Amino acid sequence: MKGLSILAAFLGGAVVGAAAGILFAPESGEDTRSKIADALRKRGIKLSRADMENLVDEIAAEVKE
């Protein structure tokens, strides 16, 4: 169980770190959203433009906290 919680913490940190890196990268917001949408589509996750923008806003709010 301890190993599982360590793995979950590591993966959670990796996701937050990747999101922060993407959000604070020196690219325009449009390019960043497009890259995020492409990455999600490659994994079989399809979101509308509005859903994608909401997701990005939620991630940004969590990173800022």
PDB file of N, CA and C in Angstrom:
ATOM      1  N   MET A   1       0.811  -1.195   0.000  1.00  0.00           N
ATOM      2  CA  MET A   1       0.000   0.000   0.000  1.00  0.00           C
ATOM      3  C   MET A   1       0.855   1.260   0.000  1.00  0.00           C
ATOM      4  N   LYS A   2       1.973   1.220   0.749  1.00  0.00           N
ATOM      5  CA  LYS A   2       2.824   2.396   0.803  1.00  0.00           C
ATOM      6  C   LYS A   2       3.405   2.708  -0.576  1.00  0.00           C
ATOM      7  N   GLY A   3       3.797   1.664  -1.288  1.00  0.00           N
ATOM      8  CA  GLY A   3       4.344   1.854  -2.626  1.00  0.00           C
ATOM      9  C   GLY A   3       3.327   2.449  -3.580  1.00  0.00           C
ATOM     10  N   LEU A   4       2.077   2.056  -3.428  1.00  0.00           N
ATOM     11  CA  LEU A   4       1.007   2.581  -4.277  1.00  0.00           C
ATOM     12  C   LEU A   4       0.779   4.063  -4.010  1.00  0.00           C
ATOM     13  N   SER A   5       0.812   4.475  -2.746  1.00  0.00           N
ATOM     14  CA  SER A   5       0.607   5.889  -2.430  1.00  0.00           C
ATOM     15  C   SER A   5       1.791   6.731  -2.910  1.00  0.00           C
ATOM     16  N   ILE A   6       2.986   6.180  -2.852  1.00  0.00           N
ATOM     17  CA  ILE A   6       4.155   6.898  -3.360  1.00  0.00           C
ATOM     18  C   ILE A   6       4.042   7.065  -4.868  1.00  0.00           C
ATOM     19  N   LEU A   7       3.609   6.025  -5.551  1.00  0.00           N
ATOM     20  CA  LEU A   7       3.432   6.091  -6.999  1.00  0.00           C
ATOM     21  C   LEU A   7       2.347   7.108  -7.356  1.00  0.00           C
ATOM     22  N   ALA A   8       1.243   7.099  -6.621  1.00  0.00           N
ATOM     23  CA  ALA A   8       0.166   8.054  -6.881  1.00  0.00           C
ATOM     24  C   ALA A   8       0.642   9.488  -6.652  1.00  0.00           C
ATOM     25  N   ALA A   9       1.417   9.710  -5.602  1.00  0.00           N
ATOM     26  CA  ALA A   9       1.946  11.048  -5.335  1.00  0.00           C
ATOM     27  C   ALA A   9       2.901  11.484  -6.442  1.00  0.00           C
ATOM     28  N   PHE A  10       3.736  10.565  -6.905  1.00  0.00           N
ATOM     29  CA  PHE A  10       4.666  10.881  -7.985  1.00  0.00           C
ATOM     30  C   PHE A  10       3.925  11.238  -9.265  1.00  0.00           C
ATOM     31  N   LEU A  11       2.933  10.432  -9.621  1.00  0.00           N
ATOM     32  CA  LEU A  11       2.167  10.702 -10.837  1.00  0.00           C
ATOM     33  C   LEU A  11       1.390  12.003 -10.733  1.00  0.00           C
ATOM     34  N   GLY A  12       0.818  12.257  -9.571  1.00  0.00           N
ATOM     35  CA  GLY A  12       0.093  13.516  -9.361  1.00  0.00           C
ATOM     36  C   GLY A  12       1.019  14.717  -9.500  1.00  0.00           C
ATOM     37  N   GLY A  13       2.205  14.611  -8.938  1.00  0.00           N
ATOM     38  CA  GLY A  13       3.184  15.687  -9.061  1.00  0.00           C
ATOM     39  C   GLY A  13       3.638  15.881 -10.495  1.00  0.00           C
ATOM     40  N   ALA A  14       3.792  14.780 -11.217  1.00  0.00           N
ATOM     41  CA  ALA A  14       4.190  14.874 -12.622  1.00  0.00           C
ATOM     42  C   ALA A  14       3.125  15.572 -13.449  1.00  0.00           C
ATOM     43  N   VAL A  15       1.863  15.259 -13.188  1.00  0.00           N
ATOM     44  CA  VAL A  15       0.766  15.892 -13.927  1.00  0.00           C
ATOM     45  C   VAL A  15       0.721  17.390 -13.630  1.00  0.00           C
ATOM     46  N   VAL A  16       0.809  17.756 -12.370  1.00  0.00           N
ATOM     47  CA  VAL A  16       0.778  19.176 -12.002  1.00  0.00           C
ATOM     48  C   VAL A  16       1.995  19.901 -12.576  1.00  0.00           C
ATOM     49  N   GLY A  17       3.153  19.270 -12.520  1.00  0.00           N
ATOM     50  CA  GLY A  17       4.362  19.876 -13.086  1.00  0.00           C
ATOM     51  C   GLY A  17       4.257  20.075 -14.585  1.00  0.00           C
ATOM     52  N   ALA A  18       3.735  19.081 -15.270  1.00  0.00           N
ATOM     53  CA  ALA A  18       3.563  19.201 -16.720  1.00  0.00           C
ATOM     54  C   ALA A  18       2.556  20.293 -17.050  1.00  0.00           C
ATOM     55  N   ALA A  19       1.467  20.352 -16.289  1.00  0.00           N
ATOM     56  CA  ALA A  19       0.459  21.392 -16.526  1.00  0.00           C
ATOM     57  C   ALA A  19       1.059  22.772 -16.286  1.00  0.00           C
ATOM     58  N   ALA A  20       1.841  22.917 -15.234  1.00  0.00           N
ATOM     59  CA  ALA A  20       2.465  24.214 -14.957  1.00  0.00           C
ATOM     60  C   ALA A  20       3.438  24.586 -16.069  1.00  0.00           C
ATOM     61  N   GLY A  21       4.206  23.621 -16.524  1.00  0.00           N
ATOM     62  CA  GLY A  21       5.143  23.883 -17.605  1.00  0.00           C
ATOM     63  C   GLY A  21       4.453  24.311 -18.884  1.00  0.00           C
ATOM     64  N   ILE A  22       3.355  23.671 -19.181  1.00  0.00           N
ATOM     65  CA  ILE A  22       2.604  24.021 -20.392  1.00  0.00           C
ATOM     66  C   ILE A  22       1.975  25.397 -20.245  1.00  0.00           C
ATOM     67  N   LEU A  23       1.385  25.660 -19.085  1.00  0.00           N
ATOM     68  CA  LEU A  23       0.676  26.925 -18.894  1.00  0.00           C
ATOM     69  C   LEU A  23       1.607  28.136 -18.856  1.00  0.00           C
ATOM     70  N   PHE A  24       2.828  27.940 -18.372  1.00  0.00           N
ATOM     71  CA  PHE A  24       3.748  29.057 -18.250  1.00  0.00           C
ATOM     72  C   PHE A  24       4.797  29.080 -19.353  1.00  0.00           C
ATOM     73  N   ALA A  25       4.612  28.267 -20.370  1.00  0.00           N
ATOM     74  CA  ALA A  25       5.527  28.250 -21.510  1.00  0.00           C
ATOM     75  C   ALA A  25       5.361  29.544 -22.307  1.00  0.00           C
ATOM     76  N   PRO A  26       6.431  29.965 -22.969  1.00  0.00           N
ATOM     77  CA  PRO A  26       6.363  31.239 -23.708  1.00  0.00           C
ATOM     78  C   PRO A  26       5.700  31.116 -25.077  1.00  0.00           C
ATOM     79  N   GLU A  27       4.532  30.521 -25.120  1.00  0.00           N
ATOM     80  CA  GLU A  27       3.760  30.416 -26.351  1.00  0.00           C
ATOM     81  C   GLU A  27       2.415  31.093 -26.144  1.00  0.00           C
ATOM     82  N   SER A  28       1.752  31.378 -27.226  1.00  0.00           N
ATOM     83  CA  SER A  28       0.437  31.996 -27.097  1.00  0.00           C
ATOM     84  C   SER A  28      -0.554  30.996 -26.503  1.00  0.00           C
ATOM     85  N   GLY A  29      -1.601  31.502 -25.913  1.00  0.00           N
ATOM     86  CA  GLY A  29      -2.620  30.634 -25.326  1.00  0.00           C
ATOM     87  C   GLY A  29      -3.275  29.743 -26.361  1.00  0.00           C
ATOM     88  N   GLU A  30      -3.478  30.278 -27.548  1.00  0.00           N
ATOM     89  CA  GLU A  30      -4.107  29.500 -28.629  1.00  0.00           C
ATOM     90  C   GLU A  30      -3.236  28.300 -29.001  1.00  0.00           C
ATOM     91  N   ASP A  31      -1.928  28.522 -29.127  1.00  0.00           N
ATOM     92  CA  ASP A  31      -1.016  27.420 -29.461  1.00  0.00           C
ATOM     93  C   ASP A  31      -0.992  26.378 -28.344  1.00  0.00           C
ATOM     94  N   THR A  32      -0.970  26.858 -27.101  1.00  0.00           N
ATOM     95  CA  THR A  32      -0.932  25.949 -25.961  1.00  0.00           C
ATOM     96  C   THR A  32      -2.199  25.110 -25.891  1.00  0.00           C
ATOM     97  N   ARG A  33      -3.363  25.738 -26.053  1.00  0.00           N
ATOM     98  CA  ARG A  33      -4.621  24.985 -26.025  1.00  0.00           C
ATOM     99  C   ARG A  33      -4.669  23.969 -27.155  1.00  0.00           C
ATOM    100  N   SER A  34      -4.158  24.348 -28.304  1.00  0.00           N
ATOM    101  CA  SER A  34      -4.140  23.434 -29.443  1.00  0.00           C
ATOM    102  C   SER A  34      -3.270  22.215 -29.151  1.00  0.00           C
ATOM    103  N   LYS A  35      -2.120  22.437 -28.550  1.00  0.00           N
ATOM    104  CA  LYS A  35      -1.228  21.323 -28.209  1.00  0.00           C
ATOM    105  C   LYS A  35      -1.858  20.403 -27.170  1.00  0.00           C
ATOM    106  N   ILE A  36      -2.521  21.002 -26.183  1.00  0.00           N
ATOM    107  CA  ILE A  36      -3.188  20.199 -25.158  1.00  0.00           C
ATOM    108  C   ILE A  36      -4.294  19.364 -25.800  1.00  0.00           C
ATOM    109  N   ALA A  37      -5.083  19.981 -26.671  1.00  0.00           N
ATOM    110  CA  ALA A  37      -6.169  19.264 -27.340  1.00  0.00           C
ATOM    111  C   ALA A  37      -5.624  18.122 -28.187  1.00  0.00           C
ATOM    112  N   ASP A  38      -4.536  18.356 -28.908  1.00  0.00           N
ATOM    113  CA  ASP A  38      -3.932  17.298 -29.721  1.00  0.00           C
ATOM    114  C   ASP A  38      -3.431  16.144 -28.858  1.00  0.00           C
ATOM    115  N   ALA A  39      -2.796  16.474 -27.731  1.00  0.00           N
ATOM    116  CA  ALA A  39      -2.288  15.436 -26.834  1.00  0.00           C
ATOM    117  C   ALA A  39      -3.436  14.601 -26.265  1.00  0.00           C
ATOM    118  N   LEU A  40      -4.537  15.254 -25.901  1.00  0.00           N
ATOM    119  CA  LEU A  40      -5.683  14.521 -25.363  1.00  0.00           C
ATOM    120  C   LEU A  40      -6.336  13.657 -26.438  1.00  0.00           C
ATOM    121  N   ARG A  41      -6.451  14.181 -27.653  1.00  0.00           N
ATOM    122  CA  ARG A  41      -7.056  13.407 -28.741  1.00  0.00           C
ATOM    123  C   ARG A  41      -6.238  12.160 -29.055  1.00  0.00           C
ATOM    124  N   LYS A  42      -4.925  12.255 -28.967  1.00  0.00           N
ATOM    125  CA  LYS A  42      -4.058  11.104 -29.214  1.00  0.00           C
ATOM    126  C   LYS A  42      -4.318  10.005 -28.190  1.00  0.00           C
ATOM    127  N   ARG A  43      -4.789  10.410 -27.016  1.00  0.00           N
ATOM    128  CA  ARG A  43      -5.086   9.438 -25.957  1.00  0.00           C
ATOM    129  C   ARG A  43      -6.555   9.032 -25.949  1.00  0.00           C
ATOM    130  N   GLY A  44      -7.297   9.481 -26.962  1.00  0.00           N
ATOM    131  CA  GLY A  44      -8.689   9.070 -27.092  1.00  0.00           C
ATOM    132  C   GLY A  44      -9.672   9.927 -26.331  1.00  0.00           C
ATOM    133  N   ILE A  45      -9.233  11.076 -25.828  1.00  0.00           N
ATOM    134  CA  ILE A  45     -10.107  11.976 -25.086  1.00  0.00           C
ATOM    135  C   ILE A  45     -10.497  13.109 -26.015  1.00  0.00           C
ATOM    136  N   LYS A  46     -11.794  13.257 -26.250  1.00  0.00           N
ATOM    137  CA  LYS A  46     -12.254  14.305 -27.149  1.00  0.00           C
ATOM    138  C   LYS A  46     -13.062  15.329 -26.363  1.00  0.00           C
ATOM    139  N   LEU A  47     -12.653  16.583 -26.466  1.00  0.00           N
ATOM    140  CA  LEU A  47     -13.340  17.669 -25.776  1.00  0.00           C
ATOM    141  C   LEU A  47     -13.683  18.762 -26.778  1.00  0.00           C
ATOM    142  N   SER A  48     -14.788  19.417 -26.534  1.00  0.00           N
ATOM    143  CA  SER A  48     -15.129  20.565 -27.364  1.00  0.00           C
ATOM    144  C   SER A  48     -14.195  21.720 -27.004  1.00  0.00           C
ATOM    145  N   ARG A  49     -14.198  22.743 -27.816  1.00  0.00           N
ATOM    146  CA  ARG A  49     -13.331  23.897 -27.556  1.00  0.00           C
ATOM    147  C   ARG A  49     -13.663  24.520 -26.199  1.00  0.00           C
ATOM    148  N   ALA A  50     -14.945  24.652 -25.889  1.00  0.00           N
ATOM    149  CA  ALA A  50     -15.360  25.239 -24.610  1.00  0.00           C
ATOM    150  C   ALA A  50     -14.906  24.361 -23.441  1.00  0.00           C
ATOM    151  N   ASP A  51     -15.050  23.047 -23.583  1.00  0.00           N
ATOM    152  CA  ASP A  51     -14.602  22.134 -22.527  1.00  0.00           C
ATOM    153  C   ASP A  51     -13.095  22.229 -22.328  1.00  0.00           C
ATOM    154  N   MET A  52     -12.356  22.346 -23.444  1.00  0.00           N
ATOM    155  CA  MET A  52     -10.911  22.453 -23.363  1.00  0.00           C
ATOM    156  C   MET A  52     -10.505  23.731 -22.630  1.00  0.00           C
ATOM    157  N   GLU A  53     -11.151  24.837 -22.965  1.00  0.00           N
ATOM    158  CA  GLU A  53     -10.835  26.099 -22.300  1.00  0.00           C
ATOM    159  C   GLU A  53     -11.161  26.036 -20.817  1.00  0.00           C
ATOM    160  N   ASN A  54     -12.262  25.385 -20.469  1.00  0.00           N
ATOM    161  CA  ASN A  54     -12.611  25.223 -19.056  1.00  0.00           C
ATOM    162  C   ASN A  54     -11.576  24.383 -18.331  1.00  0.00           C
ATOM    163  N   LEU A  55     -11.113  23.318 -18.971  1.00  0.00           N
ATOM    164  CA  LEU A  55     -10.100  22.454 -18.371  1.00  0.00           C
ATOM    165  C   LEU A  55      -8.812  23.229 -18.140  1.00  0.00           C
ATOM    166  N   VAL A  56      -8.383  23.982 -19.128  1.00  0.00           N
ATOM    167  CA  VAL A  56      -7.160  24.777 -18.995  1.00  0.00           C
ATOM    168  C   VAL A  56      -7.319  25.800 -17.877  1.00  0.00           C
ATOM    169  N   ASP A  57      -8.464  26.449 -17.786  1.00  0.00           N
ATOM    170  CA  ASP A  57      -8.704  27.424 -16.718  1.00  0.00           C
ATOM    171  C   ASP A  57      -8.667  26.767 -15.340  1.00  0.00           C
ATOM    172  N   GLU A  58      -9.239  25.570 -15.225  1.00  0.00           N
ATOM    173  CA  GLU A  58      -9.227  24.851 -13.949  1.00  0.00           C
ATOM    174  C   GLU A  58      -7.803  24.483 -13.552  1.00  0.00           C
ATOM    175  N   ILE A  59      -7.019  24.001 -14.502  1.00  0.00           N
ATOM    176  CA  ILE A  59      -5.632  23.630 -14.210  1.00  0.00           C
ATOM    177  C   ILE A  59      -4.848  24.879 -13.798  1.00  0.00           C
ATOM    178  N   ALA A  60      -5.042  25.973 -14.512  1.00  0.00           N
ATOM    179  CA  ALA A  60      -4.335  27.217 -14.183  1.00  0.00           C
ATOM    180  C   ALA A  60      -4.683  27.687 -12.780  1.00  0.00           C
ATOM    181  N   ALA A  61      -5.946  27.593 -12.412  1.00  0.00           N
ATOM    182  CA  ALA A  61      -6.366  28.016 -11.067  1.00  0.00           C
ATOM    183  C   ALA A  61      -5.725  27.148  -9.997  1.00  0.00           C
ATOM    184  N   GLU A  62      -5.631  25.850 -10.236  1.00  0.00           N
ATOM    185  CA  GLU A  62      -5.015  24.955  -9.268  1.00  0.00           C
ATOM    186  C   GLU A  62      -3.517  25.219  -9.156  1.00  0.00           C
ATOM    187  N   VAL A  63      -2.877  25.503 -10.257  1.00  0.00           N
ATOM    188  CA  VAL A  63      -1.440  25.757 -10.242  1.00  0.00           C
ATOM    189  C   VAL A  63      -1.136  27.050  -9.498  1.00  0.00           C
ATOM    190  N   LYS A  64      -1.988  28.061  -9.678  1.00  0.00           N
ATOM    191  CA  LYS A  64      -1.774  29.348  -9.016  1.00  0.00           C
ATOM    192  C   LYS A  64      -1.942  29.246  -7.501  1.00  0.00           C
ATOM    193  N   GLU A  65      -2.772  28.310  -7.033  1.00  0.00           N
ATOM    194  CA  GLU A  65      -2.982  28.133  -5.593  1.00  0.00           C
ATOM    195  C   GLU A  65      -1.758  27.510  -5.013  1.00  0.00           C
TER     196      GLU A  65
END
